[in-house]
Amino acid sequence: MEVKKPLILVSNDDGYHAKGLRSLVGMLTDFAEVVVCAPDAGRSGFAGAFSVAKPLQIKRRKDVAGATVWSSNGTPVDCVKLAFSEFFAQRQPDIILSGINHGDNAAVNVHYSGTMGVVIEGCLKGVPSVGFSLADPNEDADFEPLRPYVRGIVKRVLAEGLPKEVCLNVNFPRTQSFKGIKMCRMNRGTWVNECEKRTHPHGYNYFWMAGYFQSDEPQATDTDYWALKNDYVAIVPTRVDVTCYDSLQRMKTWENDDFLVEKEIQG
């Protein structure tokens, strides 16, 4: 009886041509069948966006390391939806991988990230999903030090699966060697000074999205932000159910409180 190789869908938000995606594919094809469906250009910051007002297309591209490659004019989430519609009618992927992103997706960036948009979409479809990011935004970043970690994580998830509605956000520090792996929680913080005002040569003002991340808990040692700063690989198990169950139980009393319904003032 023929034993099928695991089937892996790979996507990203940097585009099908990005070195990070091609590096990731090259780490997988010796033990898995890989299909790529990724944006035709950069779609960073698209998070869970999908297209509702434009026609989508997919285009066959040159194979990478034996993997079939397709691109789409849509968002990262569109790419996952299109792949399921067009390529996986007979057999769905065993795992969905996103990245390797040029730049980290730690802390609150998970909410903005197109890389993690792919992962969350895969998780919503019931498929174990993992996002990989390297804290190096350069187009020619060196992804080779990540190889043994990526392969180990992928093989473990293939063997053990992930809990329902849980995906993984994996971030690597920008270094040639890592101190190890830290299982972390998401760091709390916010982006500040995000809108940089500039003047166009024609005289009108425009804005460039910039800013920097400010941690609300820089001394905490159990977060992904701390792990990256200290040269550890950070893995955050991420839930797609955003319900706050503690608040839900506490606020159950609201159901019987009249103050939630505004009274009409008699005059």
C-alpha atoms as a PDB file:
ATOM      1  CA  MET A   1       0.000   0.000   0.000  1.00  0.00           C
ATOM      2  CA  GLU A   2       1.367   3.389  -1.041  1.00  0.00           C
ATOM      3  CA  VAL A   3       1.940   5.808   1.823  1.00  0.00           C
ATOM      4  CA  LYS A   4       1.075   9.338   0.790  1.00  0.00           C
ATOM      5  CA  LYS A   5       3.311  12.189   1.752  1.00  0.00           C
ATOM      6  CA  PRO A   6       1.718  14.885   3.922  1.00  0.00           C
ATOM      7  CA  LEU A   7      -0.003  17.570   1.855  1.00  0.00           C
ATOM      8  CA  ILE A   8       0.958  21.128   2.793  1.00  0.00           C
ATOM      9  CA  LEU A   9      -0.534  24.431   1.652  1.00  0.00           C
ATOM     10  CA  VAL A  10       1.884  27.360   1.873  1.00  0.00           C
ATOM     11  CA  SER A  11       0.935  31.019   1.571  1.00  0.00           C
ATOM     12  CA  ASN A  12       2.147  34.376   2.881  1.00  0.00           C
ATOM     13  CA  ASP A  13       1.599  38.131   2.700  1.00  0.00           C
ATOM     14  CA  ASP A  14       4.919  39.105   1.070  1.00  0.00           C
ATOM     15  CA  GLY A  15       4.045  37.564  -2.286  1.00  0.00           C
ATOM     16  CA  TYR A  16       4.775  34.275  -4.039  1.00  0.00           C
ATOM     17  CA  HIS A  17       8.182  35.596  -5.139  1.00  0.00           C
ATOM     18  CA  ALA A  18       9.438  36.404  -1.604  1.00  0.00           C
ATOM     19  CA  LYS A  19      12.626  34.726  -0.432  1.00  0.00           C
ATOM     20  CA  GLY A  20      10.974  33.760   2.867  1.00  0.00           C
ATOM     21  CA  LEU A  21       8.283  31.719   1.147  1.00  0.00           C
ATOM     22  CA  ARG A  22      10.736  30.079  -1.223  1.00  0.00           C
ATOM     23  CA  SER A  23      13.023  29.234   1.668  1.00  0.00           C
ATOM     24  CA  LEU A  24      10.125  27.684   3.568  1.00  0.00           C
ATOM     25  CA  VAL A  25       9.127  25.552   0.585  1.00  0.00           C
ATOM     26  CA  GLY A  26      12.712  24.358   0.223  1.00  0.00           C
ATOM     27  CA  MET A  27      12.624  23.112   3.814  1.00  0.00           C
ATOM     28  CA  LEU A  28       9.586  20.893   3.167  1.00  0.00           C
ATOM     29  CA  THR A  29       9.575  19.226  -0.229  1.00  0.00           C
ATOM     30  CA  ASP A  30      11.834  16.303   0.708  1.00  0.00           C
ATOM     31  CA  PHE A  31       9.136  14.908   3.028  1.00  0.00           C
ATOM     32  CA  ALA A  32       5.868  16.525   1.869  1.00  0.00           C
ATOM     33  CA  GLU A  33       3.809  17.399  -1.165  1.00  0.00           C
ATOM     34  CA  VAL A  34       3.638  21.199  -1.226  1.00  0.00           C
ATOM     35  CA  VAL A  35       1.190  23.514  -2.980  1.00  0.00           C
ATOM     36  CA  VAL A  36       1.745  27.273  -2.898  1.00  0.00           C
ATOM     37  CA  CYS A  37      -1.035  29.802  -3.379  1.00  0.00           C
ATOM     38  CA  ALA A  38       0.156  33.284  -2.430  1.00  0.00           C
ATOM     39  CA  PRO A  39      -0.489  36.909  -3.396  1.00  0.00           C
ATOM     40  CA  ASP A  40       1.041  38.237  -6.609  1.00  0.00           C
ATOM     41  CA  ALA A  41       2.533  41.168  -4.660  1.00  0.00           C
ATOM     42  CA  GLY A  42       3.013  42.270  -1.071  1.00  0.00           C
ATOM     43  CA  ARG A  43      -0.128  42.316   1.086  1.00  0.00           C
ATOM     44  CA  SER A  44       1.334  43.086   4.506  1.00  0.00           C
ATOM     45  CA  GLY A  45      -1.161  44.309   7.100  1.00  0.00           C
ATOM     46  CA  PHE A  46      -4.186  42.757   5.396  1.00  0.00           C
ATOM     47  CA  ALA A  47      -4.940  40.550   8.417  1.00  0.00           C
ATOM     48  CA  GLY A  48      -8.197  38.649   7.762  1.00  0.00           C
ATOM     49  CA  ALA A  49      -9.365  40.805   4.853  1.00  0.00           C
ATOM     50  CA  PHE A  50     -10.902  39.110   1.829  1.00  0.00           C
ATOM     51  CA  SER A  51     -12.169  40.472  -1.474  1.00  0.00           C
ATOM     52  CA  VAL A  52     -15.869  41.170  -1.979  1.00  0.00           C
ATOM     53  CA  ALA A  53     -15.853  43.833  -4.708  1.00  0.00           C
ATOM     54  CA  LYS A  54     -13.337  42.656  -7.313  1.00  0.00           C
ATOM     55  CA  PRO A  55     -12.929  39.544  -9.452  1.00  0.00           C
ATOM     56  CA  LEU A  56     -10.143  37.220  -8.378  1.00  0.00           C
ATOM     57  CA  GLN A  57      -7.713  35.397 -10.611  1.00  0.00           C
ATOM     58  CA  ILE A  58      -5.095  32.724 -10.070  1.00  0.00           C
ATOM     59  CA  LYS A  59      -2.008  32.297 -12.219  1.00  0.00           C
ATOM     60  CA  ARG A  60       0.337  29.332 -12.533  1.00  0.00           C
ATOM     61  CA  ARG A  61       3.926  30.196 -11.733  1.00  0.00           C
ATOM     62  CA  LYS A  62       7.228  28.368 -12.034  1.00  0.00           C
ATOM     63  CA  ASP A  63       7.665  25.484  -9.586  1.00  0.00           C
ATOM     64  CA  VAL A  64       9.864  26.014  -6.546  1.00  0.00           C
ATOM     65  CA  ALA A  65      11.895  23.057  -5.249  1.00  0.00           C
ATOM     66  CA  GLY A  66       9.319  20.678  -6.739  1.00  0.00           C
ATOM     67  CA  ALA A  67       6.309  22.523  -5.288  1.00  0.00           C
ATOM     68  CA  THR A  68       3.426  23.687  -7.456  1.00  0.00           C
ATOM     69  CA  VAL A  69       3.144  27.482  -7.259  1.00  0.00           C
ATOM     70  CA  TRP A  70       0.112  29.667  -7.936  1.00  0.00           C
ATOM     71  CA  SER A  71      -0.389  33.372  -7.380  1.00  0.00           C
ATOM     72  CA  SER A  72      -3.547  35.424  -6.926  1.00  0.00           C
ATOM     73  CA  ASN A  73      -4.441  39.104  -7.184  1.00  0.00           C
ATOM     74  CA  GLY A  74      -6.303  38.764  -3.884  1.00  0.00           C
ATOM     75  CA  THR A  75      -5.439  38.940  -0.200  1.00  0.00           C
ATOM     76  CA  PRO A  76      -3.659  36.246   1.822  1.00  0.00           C
ATOM     77  CA  VAL A  77      -7.049  34.978   3.047  1.00  0.00           C
ATOM     78  CA  ASP A  78      -8.339  34.969  -0.542  1.00  0.00           C
ATOM     79  CA  CYS A  79      -5.427  32.694  -1.434  1.00  0.00           C
ATOM     80  CA  VAL A  80      -6.468  30.131   1.169  1.00  0.00           C
ATOM     81  CA  LYS A  81     -10.103  30.245   0.061  1.00  0.00           C
ATOM     82  CA  LEU A  82      -9.130  29.911  -3.605  1.00  0.00           C
ATOM     83  CA  ALA A  83      -6.781  27.003  -2.854  1.00  0.00           C
ATOM     84  CA  PHE A  84      -9.535  25.098  -1.065  1.00  0.00           C
ATOM     85  CA  SER A  85     -11.937  25.779  -3.913  1.00  0.00           C
ATOM     86  CA  GLU A  86      -9.612  24.900  -6.784  1.00  0.00           C
ATOM     87  CA  PHE A  87      -6.913  22.524  -5.545  1.00  0.00           C
ATOM     88  CA  PHE A  88      -8.242  20.545  -2.587  1.00  0.00           C
ATOM     89  CA  ALA A  89     -11.622  19.256  -3.689  1.00  0.00           C
ATOM     90  CA  GLN A  90     -10.480  15.627  -3.349  1.00  0.00           C
ATOM     91  CA  ARG A  91      -8.068  15.927  -0.436  1.00  0.00           C
ATOM     92  CA  GLN A  92      -7.622  18.787   1.993  1.00  0.00           C
ATOM     93  CA  PRO A  93      -4.151  19.741   3.239  1.00  0.00           C
ATOM     94  CA  ASP A  94      -2.788  18.109   6.363  1.00  0.00           C
ATOM     95  CA  ILE A  95      -1.330  21.423   7.512  1.00  0.00           C
ATOM     96  CA  ILE A  96      -1.321  25.075   6.389  1.00  0.00           C
ATOM     97  CA  LEU A  97       1.848  27.126   6.735  1.00  0.00           C
ATOM     98  CA  SER A  98       2.347  30.853   6.292  1.00  0.00           C
ATOM     99  CA  GLY A  99       5.603  32.743   5.799  1.00  0.00           C
ATOM    100  CA  ILE A 100       8.394  32.847   6.382  1.00  0.00           C
ATOM    101  CA  ASN A 101       7.539  36.498   6.895  1.00  0.00           C
ATOM    102  CA  HIS A 102      10.154  39.218   6.426  1.00  0.00           C
ATOM    103  CA  GLY A 103       9.699  40.894   9.816  1.00  0.00           C
ATOM    104  CA  ASP A 104       8.268  39.660  13.100  1.00  0.00           C
ATOM    105  CA  ASN A 105       4.588  39.209  13.948  1.00  0.00           C
ATOM    106  CA  ALA A 106       4.948  39.153  17.715  1.00  0.00           C
ATOM    107  CA  ALA A 107       2.756  40.855  20.317  1.00  0.00           C
ATOM    108  CA  VAL A 108      -0.294  42.736  19.001  1.00  0.00           C
ATOM    109  CA  ASN A 109       0.978  42.467  15.426  1.00  0.00           C
ATOM    110  CA  VAL A 110      -0.910  39.183  15.254  1.00  0.00           C
ATOM    111  CA  HIS A 111      -4.089  41.253  14.787  1.00  0.00           C
ATOM    112  CA  TYR A 112      -2.735  43.148  11.769  1.00  0.00           C
ATOM    113  CA  SER A 113      -0.670  40.442  10.139  1.00  0.00           C
ATOM    114  CA  GLY A 114      -1.511  39.023   6.731  1.00  0.00           C
ATOM    115  CA  THR A 115       0.829  36.162   7.616  1.00  0.00           C
ATOM    116  CA  MET A 116      -1.398  35.272  10.544  1.00  0.00           C
ATOM    117  CA  GLY A 117      -4.496  35.978   8.448  1.00  0.00           C
ATOM    118  CA  VAL A 118      -3.560  32.870   6.466  1.00  0.00           C
ATOM    119  CA  VAL A 119      -3.069  30.881   9.658  1.00  0.00           C
ATOM    120  CA  ILE A 120      -6.340  31.947  11.269  1.00  0.00           C
ATOM    121  CA  GLU A 121      -8.241  31.197   8.063  1.00  0.00           C
ATOM    122  CA  GLY A 122      -6.719  27.724   8.022  1.00  0.00           C
ATOM    123  CA  CYS A 123      -7.628  27.240  11.666  1.00  0.00           C
ATOM    124  CA  LEU A 124     -11.219  28.299  10.938  1.00  0.00           C
ATOM    125  CA  LYS A 125     -11.297  25.583   8.281  1.00  0.00           C
ATOM    126  CA  GLY A 126     -10.279  22.997  10.860  1.00  0.00           C
ATOM    127  CA  VAL A 127      -6.755  22.460   9.526  1.00  0.00           C
ATOM    128  CA  PRO A 128      -3.681  22.653  11.820  1.00  0.00           C
ATOM    129  CA  SER A 129      -2.001  25.932  10.877  1.00  0.00           C
ATOM    130  CA  VAL A 130       1.309  27.607  11.713  1.00  0.00           C
ATOM    131  CA  GLY A 131       2.749  31.025  10.885  1.00  0.00           C
ATOM    132  CA  PHE A 132       6.512  31.581  10.703  1.00  0.00           C
ATOM    133  CA  SER A 133       8.141  35.023  10.896  1.00  0.00           C
ATOM    134  CA  LEU A 134      11.726  36.255  11.147  1.00  0.00           C
ATOM    135  CA  ALA A 135      12.506  39.585  12.814  1.00  0.00           C
ATOM    136  CA  ASP A 136      14.444  40.738   9.752  1.00  0.00           C
ATOM    137  CA  PRO A 137      12.523  42.831   7.190  1.00  0.00           C
ATOM    138  CA  ASN A 138      15.274  42.740   4.559  1.00  0.00           C
ATOM    139  CA  GLU A 139      14.346  41.210   1.205  1.00  0.00           C
ATOM    140  CA  ASP A 140      17.525  39.115   1.267  1.00  0.00           C
ATOM    141  CA  ALA A 141      17.251  37.981   4.896  1.00  0.00           C
ATOM    142  CA  ASP A 142      19.038  34.754   5.847  1.00  0.00           C
ATOM    143  CA  PHE A 143      16.453  32.063   6.631  1.00  0.00           C
ATOM    144  CA  GLU A 144      18.816  29.091   6.743  1.00  0.00           C
ATOM    145  CA  PRO A 145      19.322  29.138  10.558  1.00  0.00           C
ATOM    146  CA  LEU A 146      15.560  28.550  10.892  1.00  0.00           C
ATOM    147  CA  ARG A 147      15.606  25.267   8.963  1.00  0.00           C
ATOM    148  CA  PRO A 148      15.904  22.695  11.792  1.00  0.00           C
ATOM    149  CA  TYR A 149      13.314  24.535  13.896  1.00  0.00           C
ATOM    150  CA  VAL A 150      10.808  24.901  11.073  1.00  0.00           C
ATOM    151  CA  ARG A 151      11.141  21.259  10.084  1.00  0.00           C
ATOM    152  CA  GLY A 152      10.874  20.102  13.683  1.00  0.00           C
ATOM    153  CA  ILE A 153       7.772  22.173  14.401  1.00  0.00           C
ATOM    154  CA  VAL A 154       6.040  21.135  11.173  1.00  0.00           C
ATOM    155  CA  LYS A 155       6.749  17.435  11.715  1.00  0.00           C
ATOM    156  CA  ARG A 156       5.547  17.588  15.315  1.00  0.00           C
ATOM    157  CA  VAL A 157       2.289  19.312  14.355  1.00  0.00           C
ATOM    158  CA  LEU A 158       1.770  16.798  11.557  1.00  0.00           C
ATOM    159  CA  ALA A 159       2.266  13.955  14.048  1.00  0.00           C
ATOM    160  CA  GLU A 160       0.271  15.356  16.982  1.00  0.00           C
ATOM    161  CA  GLY A 161      -2.094  17.916  15.465  1.00  0.00           C
ATOM    162  CA  LEU A 162      -3.258  21.009  17.341  1.00  0.00           C
ATOM    163  CA  PRO A 163      -6.238  21.569  19.643  1.00  0.00           C
ATOM    164  CA  LYS A 164      -9.449  22.679  17.964  1.00  0.00           C
ATOM    165  CA  GLU A 165      -9.483  26.420  17.179  1.00  0.00           C
ATOM    166  CA  VAL A 166      -5.812  26.800  18.130  1.00  0.00           C
ATOM    167  CA  CYS A 167      -3.041  27.781  15.724  1.00  0.00           C
ATOM    168  CA  LEU A 168       0.630  28.668  16.255  1.00  0.00           C
ATOM    169  CA  ASN A 169       2.391  32.006  15.848  1.00  0.00           C
ATOM    170  CA  VAL A 170       6.129  31.292  15.603  1.00  0.00           C
ATOM    171  CA  ASN A 171       8.630  34.164  15.597  1.00  0.00           C
ATOM    172  CA  PHE A 172      12.401  33.945  15.189  1.00  0.00           C
ATOM    173  CA  PRO A 173      14.864  36.595  16.409  1.00  0.00           C
ATOM    174  CA  ARG A 174      17.324  38.147  14.006  1.00  0.00           C
ATOM    175  CA  THR A 175      20.420  36.139  14.898  1.00  0.00           C
ATOM    176  CA  GLN A 176      22.500  33.324  13.443  1.00  0.00           C
ATOM    177  CA  SER A 177      21.894  31.022  16.420  1.00  0.00           C
ATOM    178  CA  PHE A 178      19.089  30.680  18.929  1.00  0.00           C
ATOM    179  CA  LYS A 179      19.227  30.008  22.666  1.00  0.00           C
ATOM    180  CA  GLY A 180      16.254  27.669  22.374  1.00  0.00           C
ATOM    181  CA  ILE A 181      12.473  27.706  22.180  1.00  0.00           C
ATOM    182  CA  LYS A 182      10.118  29.538  24.540  1.00  0.00           C
ATOM    183  CA  MET A 183       6.417  28.777  24.715  1.00  0.00           C
ATOM    184  CA  CYS A 184       4.978  32.249  25.303  1.00  0.00           C
ATOM    185  CA  ARG A 185       1.940  34.426  25.631  1.00  0.00           C
ATOM    186  CA  MET A 186       1.301  37.493  23.481  1.00  0.00           C
ATOM    187  CA  ASN A 187       2.949  40.642  24.791  1.00  0.00           C
ATOM    188  CA  ARG A 188       0.619  43.524  25.652  1.00  0.00           C
ATOM    189  CA  GLY A 189       1.415  46.841  24.052  1.00  0.00           C
ATOM    190  CA  THR A 190       0.472  49.271  21.328  1.00  0.00           C
ATOM    191  CA  TRP A 191       1.816  51.073  18.283  1.00  0.00           C
ATOM    192  CA  VAL A 192       2.532  54.776  18.824  1.00  0.00           C
ATOM    193  CA  ASN A 193       3.269  57.732  16.506  1.00  0.00           C
ATOM    194  CA  GLU A 194       1.757  55.695  13.688  1.00  0.00           C
ATOM    195  CA  CYS A 195       0.844  58.460  11.228  1.00  0.00           C
ATOM    196  CA  GLU A 196       3.805  60.362   9.815  1.00  0.00           C
ATOM    197  CA  LYS A 197       2.665  63.586   8.139  1.00  0.00           C
ATOM    198  CA  ARG A 198       4.586  64.640   5.042  1.00  0.00           C
ATOM    199  CA  THR A 199       4.310  67.332   2.378  1.00  0.00           C
ATOM    200  CA  HIS A 200       4.148  66.333  -1.264  1.00  0.00           C
ATOM    201  CA  PRO A 201       6.262  68.338  -3.766  1.00  0.00           C
ATOM    202  CA  HIS A 202       2.963  69.543  -5.256  1.00  0.00           C
ATOM    203  CA  GLY A 203       2.140  71.191  -1.948  1.00  0.00           C
ATOM    204  CA  TYR A 204      -0.492  68.934  -0.335  1.00  0.00           C
ATOM    205  CA  ASN A 205      -0.129  66.887   2.814  1.00  0.00           C
ATOM    206  CA  TYR A 206      -0.160  63.101   2.922  1.00  0.00           C
ATOM    207  CA  PHE A 207       0.459  60.469   5.587  1.00  0.00           C
ATOM    208  CA  TRP A 208       2.782  57.482   5.805  1.00  0.00           C
ATOM    209  CA  MET A 209       2.002  54.674   8.221  1.00  0.00           C
ATOM    210  CA  ALA A 210       5.059  54.273  10.415  1.00  0.00           C
ATOM    211  CA  GLY A 211       5.456  54.353  14.198  1.00  0.00           C
ATOM    212  CA  TYR A 212       6.986  51.882  16.601  1.00  0.00           C
ATOM    213  CA  PHE A 213       5.771  49.250  19.042  1.00  0.00           C
ATOM    214  CA  GLN A 214       5.704  50.154  22.721  1.00  0.00           C
ATOM    215  CA  SER A 215       5.477  47.299  25.200  1.00  0.00           C
ATOM    216  CA  ASP A 216       3.187  47.781  28.183  1.00  0.00           C
ATOM    217  CA  GLU A 217       5.101  45.114  30.115  1.00  0.00           C
ATOM    218  CA  PRO A 218       8.792  45.317  29.150  1.00  0.00           C
ATOM    219  CA  GLN A 219       9.907  43.454  32.293  1.00  0.00           C
ATOM    220  CA  ALA A 220       7.666  40.421  31.740  1.00  0.00           C
ATOM    221  CA  THR A 221       9.707  37.322  30.892  1.00  0.00           C
ATOM    222  CA  ASP A 222       6.922  35.035  29.657  1.00  0.00           C
ATOM    223  CA  THR A 223       6.033  36.921  26.459  1.00  0.00           C
ATOM    224  CA  ASP A 224       6.970  36.591  22.800  1.00  0.00           C
ATOM    225  CA  TYR A 225       8.415  40.121  22.865  1.00  0.00           C
ATOM    226  CA  TRP A 226      10.843  39.155  25.656  1.00  0.00           C
ATOM    227  CA  ALA A 227      11.777  35.892  23.944  1.00  0.00           C
ATOM    228  CA  LEU A 228      12.738  37.650  20.707  1.00  0.00           C
ATOM    229  CA  LYS A 229      14.718  40.308  22.561  1.00  0.00           C
ATOM    230  CA  ASN A 230      16.656  37.537  24.284  1.00  0.00           C
ATOM    231  CA  ASP A 231      17.371  35.419  21.179  1.00  0.00           C
ATOM    232  CA  TYR A 232      14.773  32.700  21.760  1.00  0.00           C
ATOM    233  CA  VAL A 233      12.343  31.285  19.237  1.00  0.00           C
ATOM    234  CA  ALA A 234       8.901  32.394  20.437  1.00  0.00           C
ATOM    235  CA  ILE A 235       5.876  30.128  19.970  1.00  0.00           C
ATOM    236  CA  VAL A 236       2.457  31.464  20.951  1.00  0.00           C
ATOM    237  CA  PRO A 237      -0.551  29.101  20.829  1.00  0.00           C
ATOM    238  CA  THR A 238      -3.221  31.421  19.419  1.00  0.00           C
ATOM    239  CA  ARG A 239      -6.979  30.979  19.735  1.00  0.00           C
ATOM    240  CA  VAL A 240      -9.443  32.066  17.076  1.00  0.00           C
ATOM    241  CA  ASP A 241     -12.255  32.240  19.648  1.00  0.00           C
ATOM    242  CA  VAL A 242     -11.882  35.788  20.987  1.00  0.00           C
ATOM    243  CA  THR A 243     -14.600  35.459  23.630  1.00  0.00           C
ATOM    244  CA  CYS A 244     -13.531  36.640  27.088  1.00  0.00           C
ATOM    245  CA  TYR A 245     -15.129  33.909  29.178  1.00  0.00           C
ATOM    246  CA  ASP A 246     -14.306  35.530  32.520  1.00  0.00           C
ATOM    247  CA  SER A 247     -16.149  38.687  31.490  1.00  0.00           C
ATOM    248  CA  LEU A 248     -18.982  36.670  29.992  1.00  0.00           C
ATOM    249  CA  GLN A 249     -19.727  35.004  33.323  1.00  0.00           C
ATOM    250  CA  ARG A 250     -19.325  38.226  35.282  1.00  0.00           C
ATOM    251  CA  MET A 251     -21.605  40.171  32.931  1.00  0.00           C
ATOM    252  CA  LYS A 252     -24.395  37.594  32.868  1.00  0.00           C
ATOM    253  CA  THR A 253     -26.160  39.817  35.426  1.00  0.00           C
ATOM    254  CA  TRP A 254     -26.639  42.394  32.673  1.00  0.00           C
ATOM    255  CA  GLU A 255     -29.358  40.218  31.197  1.00  0.00           C
ATOM    256  CA  ASN A 256     -31.703  41.141  34.052  1.00  0.00           C
ATOM    257  CA  ASP A 257     -30.651  44.754  34.623  1.00  0.00           C
ATOM    258  CA  ASP A 258     -33.050  47.426  33.453  1.00  0.00           C
ATOM    259  CA  PHE A 259     -30.323  50.046  33.076  1.00  0.00           C
ATOM    260  CA  LEU A 260     -29.315  48.531  29.723  1.00  0.00           C
ATOM    261  CA  VAL A 261     -32.597  49.689  28.228  1.00  0.00           C
ATOM    262  CA  GLU A 262     -32.816  53.448  28.098  1.00  0.00           C
ATOM    263  CA  LYS A 263     -36.005  54.768  29.659  1.00  0.00           C
ATOM    264  CA  GLU A 264     -37.990  57.328  27.748  1.00  0.00           C
ATOM    265  CA  ILE A 265     -38.083  60.609  29.640  1.00  0.00           C
ATOM    266  CA  GLN A 266     -41.610  61.790  30.262  1.00  0.00           C
ATOM    267  CA  GLY A 267     -42.019  65.542  29.964  1.00  0.00           C
END
